[in-house]
Structure formats: C-alpha cells, structure tokens
Amino acid sequence: MFGALADPTRRTLLVAIAHQPAATATELAAELPISRQAVLKHLTALAEAGLLDRERAGREVRYTVTPEPFGDAVSWMAAVGGEWDERMTALRRRLG
C-alpha cells in the first residue's frame, strides 16, 4: 500500500476518484498530463494494493476508492508512533 501511495500521480488519482466516484480511466486521463495507458498502469497498481475497486459497466471499467486499507494503515501508524514516543521518552530519561 505504501509503495502505491509513494507515487504523486497515484495520490492525485485517488483524490480525483474520491471526488468523482465511479470514474473511468478515460475521464481521469482527461484531467492529467499523462496518457490513458499511463493512467491505467497507475490504476492497476492502486487496485493491486487494495486501494481501489474496479467494476465493469459494459465496455467501461469504473473505479472507486476502497477506504478500509487506509483505516488499517492509520491504526498501524498510530501504534508505531506510540511505541516510538515511549522509546523517545525512555531515552530522554536516560540521557537527562
């Protein structure tokens, strides 16, 4: 997930899809300075990371954001951040 989010174009696509649910690659490519094929590659990476759902509607594939992985990531980061806070406090006590 973090690897997929590391790319600024992918983050831009996520924001665009969050504001325009069920967008197609063609609709998204019209808003970006990259080709439809490049958009498709980014969308595939996001979908493989579990951040997007794909739904076929006739000849089109529509994309929506999958929010659950974001909640899992936030929970993990909060837990890790708390552990580091405890470690830094212990280090300050030893050094102080």
PDB file of N, CA and C in Angstrom:
ATOM      1  N   MET A   1       0.813  -1.186   0.000  1.00  0.00           N
ATOM      2  CA  MET A   1       0.000   0.000   0.000  1.00  0.00           C
ATOM      3  C   MET A   1       0.865   1.263   0.000  1.00  0.00           C
ATOM      4  N   PHE A   2       1.889   1.292   0.871  1.00  0.00           N
ATOM      5  CA  PHE A   2       2.719   2.485   0.948  1.00  0.00           C
ATOM      6  C   PHE A   2       3.507   2.689  -0.345  1.00  0.00           C
ATOM      7  N   GLY A   3       3.895   1.601  -0.979  1.00  0.00           N
ATOM      8  CA  GLY A   3       4.584   1.710  -2.264  1.00  0.00           C
ATOM      9  C   GLY A   3       3.684   2.348  -3.316  1.00  0.00           C
ATOM     10  N   ALA A   4       2.425   1.957  -3.319  1.00  0.00           N
ATOM     11  CA  ALA A   4       1.475   2.539  -4.279  1.00  0.00           C
ATOM     12  C   ALA A   4       1.245   4.013  -3.986  1.00  0.00           C
ATOM     13  N   LEU A   5       1.211   4.372  -2.714  1.00  0.00           N
ATOM     14  CA  LEU A   5       0.963   5.767  -2.338  1.00  0.00           C
ATOM     15  C   LEU A   5       2.194   6.660  -2.480  1.00  0.00           C
ATOM     16  N   ALA A   6       3.349   6.062  -2.675  1.00  0.00           N
ATOM     17  CA  ALA A   6       4.581   6.846  -2.787  1.00  0.00           C
ATOM     18  C   ALA A   6       4.605   7.692  -4.061  1.00  0.00           C
ATOM     19  N   ASP A   7       3.862   7.288  -5.067  1.00  0.00           N
ATOM     20  CA  ASP A   7       3.867   7.997  -6.343  1.00  0.00           C
ATOM     21  C   ASP A   7       2.859   9.153  -6.313  1.00  0.00           C
ATOM     22  N   PRO A   8       3.312  10.382  -6.614  1.00  0.00           N
ATOM     23  CA  PRO A   8       2.392  11.532  -6.562  1.00  0.00           C
ATOM     24  C   PRO A   8       1.246  11.446  -7.567  1.00  0.00           C
ATOM     25  N   THR A   9       1.464  10.831  -8.721  1.00  0.00           N
ATOM     26  CA  THR A   9       0.383  10.689  -9.704  1.00  0.00           C
ATOM     27  C   THR A   9      -0.707   9.784  -9.152  1.00  0.00           C
ATOM     28  N   ARG A  10      -0.307   8.732  -8.459  1.00  0.00           N
ATOM     29  CA  ARG A  10      -1.300   7.824  -7.866  1.00  0.00           C
ATOM     30  C   ARG A  10      -2.099   8.524  -6.768  1.00  0.00           C
ATOM     31  N   ARG A  11      -1.420   9.345  -5.982  1.00  0.00           N
ATOM     32  CA  ARG A  11      -2.150  10.103  -4.955  1.00  0.00           C
ATOM     33  C   ARG A  11      -3.141  11.067  -5.606  1.00  0.00           C
ATOM     34  N   THR A  12      -2.735  11.689  -6.707  1.00  0.00           N
ATOM     35  CA  THR A  12      -3.627  12.584  -7.446  1.00  0.00           C
ATOM     36  C   THR A  12      -4.839  11.817  -7.968  1.00  0.00           C
ATOM     37  N   LEU A  13      -4.604  10.624  -8.486  1.00  0.00           N
ATOM     38  CA  LEU A  13      -5.709   9.800  -8.978  1.00  0.00           C
ATOM     39  C   LEU A  13      -6.671   9.422  -7.851  1.00  0.00           C
ATOM     40  N   LEU A  14      -6.141   9.069  -6.693  1.00  0.00           N
ATOM     41  CA  LEU A  14      -7.002   8.729  -5.561  1.00  0.00           C
ATOM     42  C   LEU A  14      -7.901   9.896  -5.165  1.00  0.00           C
ATOM     43  N   VAL A  15      -7.324  11.085  -5.124  1.00  0.00           N
ATOM     44  CA  VAL A  15      -8.112  12.274  -4.785  1.00  0.00           C
ATOM     45  C   VAL A  15      -9.194  12.505  -5.847  1.00  0.00           C
ATOM     46  N   ALA A  16      -8.820  12.362  -7.106  1.00  0.00           N
ATOM     47  CA  ALA A  16      -9.784  12.568  -8.194  1.00  0.00           C
ATOM     48  C   ALA A  16     -10.927  11.558  -8.101  1.00  0.00           C
ATOM     49  N   ILE A  17     -10.611  10.302  -7.817  1.00  0.00           N
ATOM     50  CA  ILE A  17     -11.649   9.271  -7.731  1.00  0.00           C
ATOM     51  C   ILE A  17     -12.512   9.484  -6.489  1.00  0.00           C
ATOM     52  N   ALA A  18     -11.912   9.955  -5.404  1.00  0.00           N
ATOM     53  CA  ALA A  18     -12.694  10.247  -4.198  1.00  0.00           C
ATOM     54  C   ALA A  18     -13.715  11.355  -4.475  1.00  0.00           C
ATOM     55  N   HIS A  19     -13.352  12.313  -5.324  1.00  0.00           N
ATOM     56  CA  HIS A  19     -14.269  13.406  -5.661  1.00  0.00           C
ATOM     57  C   HIS A  19     -15.226  13.041  -6.790  1.00  0.00           C
ATOM     58  N   GLN A  20     -14.854  12.040  -7.574  1.00  0.00           N
ATOM     59  CA  GLN A  20     -15.678  11.611  -8.710  1.00  0.00           C
ATOM     60  C   GLN A  20     -15.750  10.084  -8.705  1.00  0.00           C
ATOM     61  N   PRO A  21     -16.527   9.516  -7.767  1.00  0.00           N
ATOM     62  CA  PRO A  21     -16.620   8.047  -7.699  1.00  0.00           C
ATOM     63  C   PRO A  21     -17.126   7.460  -9.012  1.00  0.00           C
ATOM     64  N   ALA A  22     -16.686   6.258  -9.286  1.00  0.00           N
ATOM     65  CA  ALA A  22     -17.065   5.523 -10.495  1.00  0.00           C
ATOM     66  C   ALA A  22     -16.519   6.170 -11.762  1.00  0.00           C
ATOM     67  N   ALA A  23     -15.372   6.822 -11.637  1.00  0.00           N
ATOM     68  CA  ALA A  23     -14.726   7.427 -12.797  1.00  0.00           C
ATOM     69  C   ALA A  23     -14.076   6.348 -13.660  1.00  0.00           C
ATOM     70  N   THR A  24     -13.951   6.616 -14.936  1.00  0.00           N
ATOM     71  CA  THR A  24     -13.255   5.706 -15.845  1.00  0.00           C
ATOM     72  C   THR A  24     -11.832   6.217 -16.067  1.00  0.00           C
ATOM     73  N   ALA A  25     -10.983   5.362 -16.603  1.00  0.00           N
ATOM     74  CA  ALA A  25      -9.610   5.762 -16.911  1.00  0.00           C
ATOM     75  C   ALA A  25      -9.595   6.906 -17.915  1.00  0.00           C
ATOM     76  N   THR A  26     -10.497   6.878 -18.874  1.00  0.00           N
ATOM     77  CA  THR A  26     -10.571   7.938 -19.879  1.00  0.00           C
ATOM     78  C   THR A  26     -10.920   9.272 -19.231  1.00  0.00           C
ATOM     79  N   GLU A  27     -11.898   9.272 -18.322  1.00  0.00           N
ATOM     80  CA  GLU A  27     -12.283  10.500 -17.627  1.00  0.00           C
ATOM     81  C   GLU A  27     -11.126  11.038 -16.784  1.00  0.00           C
ATOM     82  N   LEU A  28     -10.430  10.139 -16.124  1.00  0.00           N
ATOM     83  CA  LEU A  28      -9.307  10.551 -15.280  1.00  0.00           C
ATOM     84  C   LEU A  28      -8.138  11.065 -16.117  1.00  0.00           C
ATOM     85  N   ALA A  29      -7.870  10.419 -17.230  1.00  0.00           N
ATOM     86  CA  ALA A  29      -6.759  10.831 -18.099  1.00  0.00           C
ATOM     87  C   ALA A  29      -7.002  12.219 -18.682  1.00  0.00           C
ATOM     88  N   ALA A  30      -8.269  12.588 -18.887  1.00  0.00           N
ATOM     89  CA  ALA A  30      -8.582  13.909 -19.443  1.00  0.00           C
ATOM     90  C   ALA A  30      -8.154  15.028 -18.498  1.00  0.00           C
ATOM     91  N   GLU A  31      -8.022  14.708 -17.209  1.00  0.00           N
ATOM     92  CA  GLU A  31      -7.660  15.721 -16.214  1.00  0.00           C
ATOM     93  C   GLU A  31      -6.163  15.757 -15.914  1.00  0.00           C
ATOM     94  N   LEU A  32      -5.399  14.850 -16.506  1.00  0.00           N
ATOM     95  CA  LEU A  32      -3.972  14.744 -16.196  1.00  0.00           C
ATOM     96  C   LEU A  32      -3.121  14.903 -17.446  1.00  0.00           C
ATOM     97  N   PRO A  33      -1.871  15.316 -17.272  1.00  0.00           N
ATOM     98  CA  PRO A  33      -0.985  15.495 -18.432  1.00  0.00           C
ATOM     99  C   PRO A  33      -0.267  14.205 -18.830  1.00  0.00           C
ATOM    100  N   ILE A  34      -0.919  13.055 -18.607  1.00  0.00           N
ATOM    101  CA  ILE A  34      -0.323  11.770 -18.995  1.00  0.00           C
ATOM    102  C   ILE A  34      -1.334  10.995 -19.829  1.00  0.00           C
ATOM    103  N   SER A  35      -0.858   9.971 -20.518  1.00  0.00           N
ATOM    104  CA  SER A  35      -1.723   9.206 -21.413  1.00  0.00           C
ATOM    105  C   SER A  35      -2.694   8.315 -20.639  1.00  0.00           C
ATOM    106  N   ARG A  36      -3.720   7.865 -21.338  1.00  0.00           N
ATOM    107  CA  ARG A  36      -4.682   6.944 -20.753  1.00  0.00           C
ATOM    108  C   ARG A  36      -3.985   5.657 -20.341  1.00  0.00           C
ATOM    109  N   GLN A  37      -3.037   5.202 -21.140  1.00  0.00           N
ATOM    110  CA  GLN A  37      -2.296   3.970 -20.799  1.00  0.00           C
ATOM    111  C   GLN A  37      -1.513   4.144 -19.503  1.00  0.00           C
ATOM    112  N   ALA A  38      -0.906   5.303 -19.310  1.00  0.00           N
ATOM    113  CA  ALA A  38      -0.177   5.577 -18.072  1.00  0.00           C
ATOM    114  C   ALA A  38      -1.138   5.603 -16.886  1.00  0.00           C
ATOM    115  N   VAL A  39      -2.302   6.211 -17.089  1.00  0.00           N
ATOM    116  CA  VAL A  39      -3.318   6.237 -16.031  1.00  0.00           C
ATOM    117  C   VAL A  39      -3.729   4.817 -15.682  1.00  0.00           C
ATOM    118  N   LEU A  40      -3.938   3.984 -16.695  1.00  0.00           N
ATOM    119  CA  LEU A  40      -4.322   2.590 -16.441  1.00  0.00           C
ATOM    120  C   LEU A  40      -3.274   1.838 -15.626  1.00  0.00           C
ATOM    121  N   LYS A  41      -2.013   2.079 -15.914  1.00  0.00           N
ATOM    122  CA  LYS A  41      -0.948   1.428 -15.140  1.00  0.00           C
ATOM    123  C   LYS A  41      -0.991   1.866 -13.681  1.00  0.00           C
ATOM    124  N   HIS A  42      -1.209   3.146 -13.449  1.00  0.00           N
ATOM    125  CA  HIS A  42      -1.307   3.652 -12.083  1.00  0.00           C
ATOM    126  C   HIS A  42      -2.547   3.094 -11.379  1.00  0.00           C
ATOM    127  N   LEU A  43      -3.669   3.035 -12.095  1.00  0.00           N
ATOM    128  CA  LEU A  43      -4.893   2.492 -11.512  1.00  0.00           C
ATOM    129  C   LEU A  43      -4.736   1.016 -11.165  1.00  0.00           C
ATOM    130  N   THR A  44      -4.029   0.286 -11.998  1.00  0.00           N
ATOM    131  CA  THR A  44      -3.776  -1.124 -11.723  1.00  0.00           C
ATOM    132  C   THR A  44      -2.938  -1.279 -10.460  1.00  0.00           C
ATOM    133  N   ALA A  45      -1.921  -0.467 -10.309  1.00  0.00           N
ATOM    134  CA  ALA A  45      -1.084  -0.521  -9.110  1.00  0.00           C
ATOM    135  C   ALA A  45      -1.905  -0.212  -7.858  1.00  0.00           C
ATOM    136  N   LEU A  46      -2.780   0.775  -7.944  1.00  0.00           N
ATOM    137  CA  LEU A  46      -3.627   1.132  -6.805  1.00  0.00           C
ATOM    138  C   LEU A  46      -4.627   0.016  -6.487  1.00  0.00           C
ATOM    139  N   ALA A  47      -5.180  -0.589  -7.520  1.00  0.00           N
ATOM    140  CA  ALA A  47      -6.127  -1.688  -7.309  1.00  0.00           C
ATOM    141  C   ALA A  47      -5.423  -2.912  -6.714  1.00  0.00           C
ATOM    142  N   GLU A  48      -4.231  -3.206  -7.192  1.00  0.00           N
ATOM    143  CA  GLU A  48      -3.476  -4.344  -6.658  1.00  0.00           C
ATOM    144  C   GLU A  48      -3.067  -4.121  -5.203  1.00  0.00           C
ATOM    145  N   ALA A  49      -2.922  -2.868  -4.808  1.00  0.00           N
ATOM    146  CA  ALA A  49      -2.606  -2.539  -3.416  1.00  0.00           C
ATOM    147  C   ALA A  49      -3.860  -2.549  -2.536  1.00  0.00           C
ATOM    148  N   GLY A  50      -5.020  -2.776  -3.151  1.00  0.00           N
ATOM    149  CA  GLY A  50      -6.265  -2.829  -2.407  1.00  0.00           C
ATOM    150  C   GLY A  50      -6.902  -1.483  -2.142  1.00  0.00           C
ATOM    151  N   LEU A  51      -6.419  -0.449  -2.821  1.00  0.00           N
ATOM    152  CA  LEU A  51      -6.913   0.907  -2.576  1.00  0.00           C
ATOM    153  C   LEU A  51      -8.072   1.310  -3.482  1.00  0.00           C
ATOM    154  N   LEU A  52      -8.291   0.546  -4.541  1.00  0.00           N
ATOM    155  CA  LEU A  52      -9.385   0.822  -5.471  1.00  0.00           C
ATOM    156  C   LEU A  52     -10.158  -0.454  -5.760  1.00  0.00           C
ATOM    157  N   ASP A  53     -11.446  -0.287  -6.016  1.00  0.00           N
ATOM    158  CA  ASP A  53     -12.276  -1.364  -6.558  1.00  0.00           C
ATOM    159  C   ASP A  53     -12.518  -1.053  -8.020  1.00  0.00           C
ATOM    160  N   ARG A  54     -12.563  -2.115  -8.824  1.00  0.00           N
ATOM    161  CA  ARG A  54     -12.865  -1.968 -10.248  1.00  0.00           C
ATOM    162  C   ARG A  54     -14.200  -2.658 -10.511  1.00  0.00           C
ATOM    163  N   GLU A  55     -15.045  -1.998 -11.276  1.00  0.00           N
ATOM    164  CA  GLU A  55     -16.317  -2.600 -11.645  1.00  0.00           C
ATOM    165  C   GLU A  55     -16.562  -2.369 -13.121  1.00  0.00           C
ATOM    166  N   ARG A  56     -16.777  -3.449 -13.832  1.00  0.00           N
ATOM    167  CA  ARG A  56     -17.034  -3.344 -15.263  1.00  0.00           C
ATOM    168  C   ARG A  56     -18.488  -2.944 -15.465  1.00  0.00           C
ATOM    169  N   ALA A  57     -18.691  -1.929 -16.305  1.00  0.00           N
ATOM    170  CA  ALA A  57     -20.025  -1.464 -16.679  1.00  0.00           C
ATOM    171  C   ALA A  57     -20.065  -1.414 -18.203  1.00  0.00           C
ATOM    172  N   GLY A  58     -20.475  -2.502 -18.798  1.00  0.00           N
ATOM    173  CA  GLY A  58     -20.438  -2.597 -20.258  1.00  0.00           C
ATOM    174  C   GLY A  58     -18.996  -2.672 -20.726  1.00  0.00           C
ATOM    175  N   ARG A  59     -18.592  -1.754 -21.574  1.00  0.00           N
ATOM    176  CA  ARG A  59     -17.220  -1.732 -22.085  1.00  0.00           C
ATOM    177  C   ARG A  59     -16.284  -0.945 -21.184  1.00  0.00           C
ATOM    178  N   GLU A  60     -16.844  -0.249 -20.216  1.00  0.00           N
ATOM    179  CA  GLU A  60     -16.034   0.603 -19.343  1.00  0.00           C
ATOM    180  C   GLU A  60     -15.723  -0.085 -18.016  1.00  0.00           C
ATOM    181  N   VAL A  61     -14.596   0.308 -17.452  1.00  0.00           N
ATOM    182  CA  VAL A  61     -14.255  -0.101 -16.098  1.00  0.00           C
ATOM    183  C   VAL A  61     -14.301   1.151 -15.248  1.00  0.00           C
ATOM    184  N   ARG A  62     -15.060   1.078 -14.183  1.00  0.00           N
ATOM    185  CA  ARG A  62     -15.218   2.229 -13.289  1.00  0.00           C
ATOM    186  C   ARG A  62     -14.486   1.943 -11.984  1.00  0.00           C
ATOM    187  N   TYR A  63     -13.881   2.982 -11.427  1.00  0.00           N
ATOM    188  CA  TYR A  63     -13.036   2.850 -10.235  1.00  0.00           C
ATOM    189  C   TYR A  63     -13.638   3.613  -9.061  1.00  0.00           C
ATOM    190  N   THR A  64     -13.565   2.998  -7.885  1.00  0.00           N
ATOM    191  CA  THR A  64     -13.970   3.654  -6.649  1.00  0.00           C
ATOM    192  C   THR A  64     -12.903   3.384  -5.592  1.00  0.00           C
ATOM    193  N   VAL A  65     -12.760   4.310  -4.674  1.00  0.00           N
ATOM    194  CA  VAL A  65     -11.771   4.170  -3.595  1.00  0.00           C
ATOM    195  C   VAL A  65     -12.281   3.151  -2.585  1.00  0.00           C
ATOM    196  N   THR A  66     -11.372   2.316  -2.109  1.00  0.00           N
ATOM    197  CA  THR A  66     -11.664   1.350  -1.048  1.00  0.00           C
ATOM    198  C   THR A  66     -11.096   1.924   0.244  1.00  0.00           C
ATOM    199  N   PRO A  67     -11.934   2.381   1.174  1.00  0.00           N
ATOM    200  CA  PRO A  67     -11.428   3.080   2.355  1.00  0.00           C
ATOM    201  C   PRO A  67     -10.798   2.194   3.430  1.00  0.00           C
ATOM    202  N   GLU A  68     -11.148   0.921   3.499  1.00  0.00           N
ATOM    203  CA  GLU A  68     -10.683   0.070   4.590  1.00  0.00           C
ATOM    204  C   GLU A  68      -9.160   0.029   4.752  1.00  0.00           C
ATOM    205  N   PRO A  69      -8.383  -0.134   3.687  1.00  0.00           N
ATOM    206  CA  PRO A  69      -6.921  -0.176   3.873  1.00  0.00           C
ATOM    207  C   PRO A  69      -6.348   1.088   4.498  1.00  0.00           C
ATOM    208  N   PHE A  70      -6.984   2.224   4.251  1.00  0.00           N
ATOM    209  CA  PHE A  70      -6.499   3.472   4.834  1.00  0.00           C
ATOM    210  C   PHE A  70      -6.671   3.450   6.345  1.00  0.00           C
ATOM    211  N   GLY A  71      -7.799   2.942   6.818  1.00  0.00           N
ATOM    212  CA  GLY A  71      -8.029   2.823   8.257  1.00  0.00           C
ATOM    213  C   GLY A  71      -7.017   1.898   8.905  1.00  0.00           C
ATOM    214  N   ASP A  72      -6.723   0.781   8.237  1.00  0.00           N
ATOM    215  CA  ASP A  72      -5.715  -0.153   8.755  1.00  0.00           C
ATOM    216  C   ASP A  72      -4.354   0.526   8.836  1.00  0.00           C
ATOM    217  N   ALA A  73      -4.005   1.294   7.818  1.00  0.00           N
ATOM    218  CA  ALA A  73      -2.706   1.971   7.799  1.00  0.00           C
ATOM    219  C   ALA A  73      -2.617   3.024   8.894  1.00  0.00           C
ATOM    220  N   VAL A  74      -3.688   3.775   9.095  1.00  0.00           N
ATOM    221  CA  VAL A  74      -3.699   4.799  10.144  1.00  0.00           C
ATOM    222  C   VAL A  74      -3.549   4.146  11.515  1.00  0.00           C
ATOM    223  N   SER A  75      -4.249   3.045  11.738  1.00  0.00           N
ATOM    224  CA  SER A  75      -4.136   2.326  13.016  1.00  0.00           C
ATOM    225  C   SER A  75      -2.707   1.844  13.239  1.00  0.00           C
ATOM    226  N   TRP A  76      -2.099   1.287  12.198  1.00  0.00           N
ATOM    227  CA  TRP A  76      -0.729   0.794  12.307  1.00  0.00           C
ATOM    228  C   TRP A  76       0.230   1.944  12.611  1.00  0.00           C
ATOM    229  N   MET A  77       0.076   3.062  11.889  1.00  0.00           N
ATOM    230  CA  MET A  77       0.961   4.204  12.109  1.00  0.00           C
ATOM    231  C   MET A  77       0.794   4.776  13.512  1.00  0.00           C
ATOM    232  N   ALA A  78      -0.430   4.799  14.021  1.00  0.00           N
ATOM    233  CA  ALA A  78      -0.663   5.296  15.379  1.00  0.00           C
ATOM    234  C   ALA A  78       0.013   4.391  16.400  1.00  0.00           C
ATOM    235  N   ALA A  79      -0.073   3.080  16.191  1.00  0.00           N
ATOM    236  CA  ALA A  79       0.563   2.136  17.118  1.00  0.00           C
ATOM    237  C   ALA A  79       2.081   2.279  17.082  1.00  0.00           C
ATOM    238  N   VAL A  80       2.643   2.348  15.901  1.00  0.00           N
ATOM    239  CA  VAL A  80       4.097   2.500  15.762  1.00  0.00           C
ATOM    240  C   VAL A  80       4.536   3.850  16.325  1.00  0.00           C
ATOM    241  N   GLY A  81       3.768   4.889  16.049  1.00  0.00           N
ATOM    242  CA  GLY A  81       4.099   6.212  16.584  1.00  0.00           C
ATOM    243  C   GLY A  81       4.099   6.217  18.102  1.00  0.00           C
ATOM    244  N   GLY A  82       3.118   5.530  18.703  1.00  0.00           N
ATOM    245  CA  GLY A  82       3.063   5.432  20.154  1.00  0.00           C
ATOM    246  C   GLY A  82       4.274   4.716  20.729  1.00  0.00           C
ATOM    247  N   GLU A  83       4.710   3.646  20.061  1.00  0.00           N
ATOM    248  CA  GLU A  83       5.904   2.917  20.505  1.00  0.00           C
ATOM    249  C   GLU A  83       7.138   3.814  20.451  1.00  0.00           C
ATOM    250  N   TRP A  84       7.263   4.597  19.373  1.00  0.00           N
ATOM    251  CA  TRP A  84       8.409   5.489  19.251  1.00  0.00           C
ATOM    252  C   TRP A  84       8.356   6.600  20.285  1.00  0.00           C
ATOM    253  N   ASP A  85       7.172   7.083  20.595  1.00  0.00           N
ATOM    254  CA  ASP A  85       7.038   8.107  21.644  1.00  0.00           C
ATOM    255  C   ASP A  85       7.546   7.548  22.973  1.00  0.00           C
ATOM    256  N   GLU A  86       7.163   6.307  23.273  1.00  0.00           N
ATOM    257  CA  GLU A  86       7.618   5.671  24.513  1.00  0.00           C
ATOM    258  C   GLU A  86       9.135   5.505  24.515  1.00  0.00           C
ATOM    259  N   ARG A  87       9.702   5.099  23.395  1.00  0.00           N
ATOM    260  CA  ARG A  87      11.156   4.919  23.295  1.00  0.00           C
ATOM    261  C   ARG A  87      11.884   6.250  23.471  1.00  0.00           C
ATOM    262  N   MET A  88      11.353   7.299  22.849  1.00  0.00           N
ATOM    263  CA  MET A  88      11.993   8.611  22.967  1.00  0.00           C
ATOM    264  C   MET A  88      11.909   9.125  24.407  1.00  0.00           C
ATOM    265  N   THR A  89      10.801   8.893  25.071  1.00  0.00           N
ATOM    266  CA  THR A  89      10.655   9.301  26.471  1.00  0.00           C
ATOM    267  C   THR A  89      11.658   8.561  27.343  1.00  0.00           C
ATOM    268  N   ALA A  90      11.802   7.262  27.125  1.00  0.00           N
ATOM    269  CA  ALA A  90      12.770   6.469  27.895  1.00  0.00           C
ATOM    270  C   ALA A  90      14.200   6.947  27.627  1.00  0.00           C
ATOM    271  N   LEU A  91      14.512   7.275  26.387  1.00  0.00           N
ATOM    272  CA  LEU A  91      15.837   7.767  26.018  1.00  0.00           C
ATOM    273  C   LEU A  91      16.102   9.115  26.689  1.00  0.00           C
ATOM    274  N   ARG A  92      15.131   9.998  26.694  1.00  0.00           N
ATOM    275  CA  ARG A  92      15.293  11.307  27.343  1.00  0.00           C
ATOM    276  C   ARG A  92      15.557  11.134  28.837  1.00  0.00           C
ATOM    277  N   ARG A  93      14.860  10.189  29.470  1.00  0.00           N
ATOM    278  CA  ARG A  93      15.080   9.935  30.899  1.00  0.00           C
ATOM    279  C   ARG A  93      16.500   9.448  31.164  1.00  0.00           C
ATOM    280  N   ARG A  94      16.973   8.586  30.290  1.00  0.00           N
ATOM    281  CA  ARG A  94      18.348   8.053  30.489  1.00  0.00           C
ATOM    282  C   ARG A  94      19.407   9.120  30.250  1.00  0.00           C
ATOM    283  N   LEU A  95      19.156   9.956  29.260  1.00  0.00           N
ATOM    284  CA  LEU A  95      20.152  10.986  28.926  1.00  0.00           C
ATOM    285  C   LEU A  95      20.030  12.201  29.830  1.00  0.00           C
ATOM    286  N   GLY A  96      18.878  12.417  30.390  1.00  0.00           N
ATOM    287  CA  GLY A  96      18.642  13.631  31.168  1.00  0.00           C
ATOM    288  C   GLY A  96      19.011  13.472  32.569  1.00  0.00           C
TER     289      GLY A  96
END
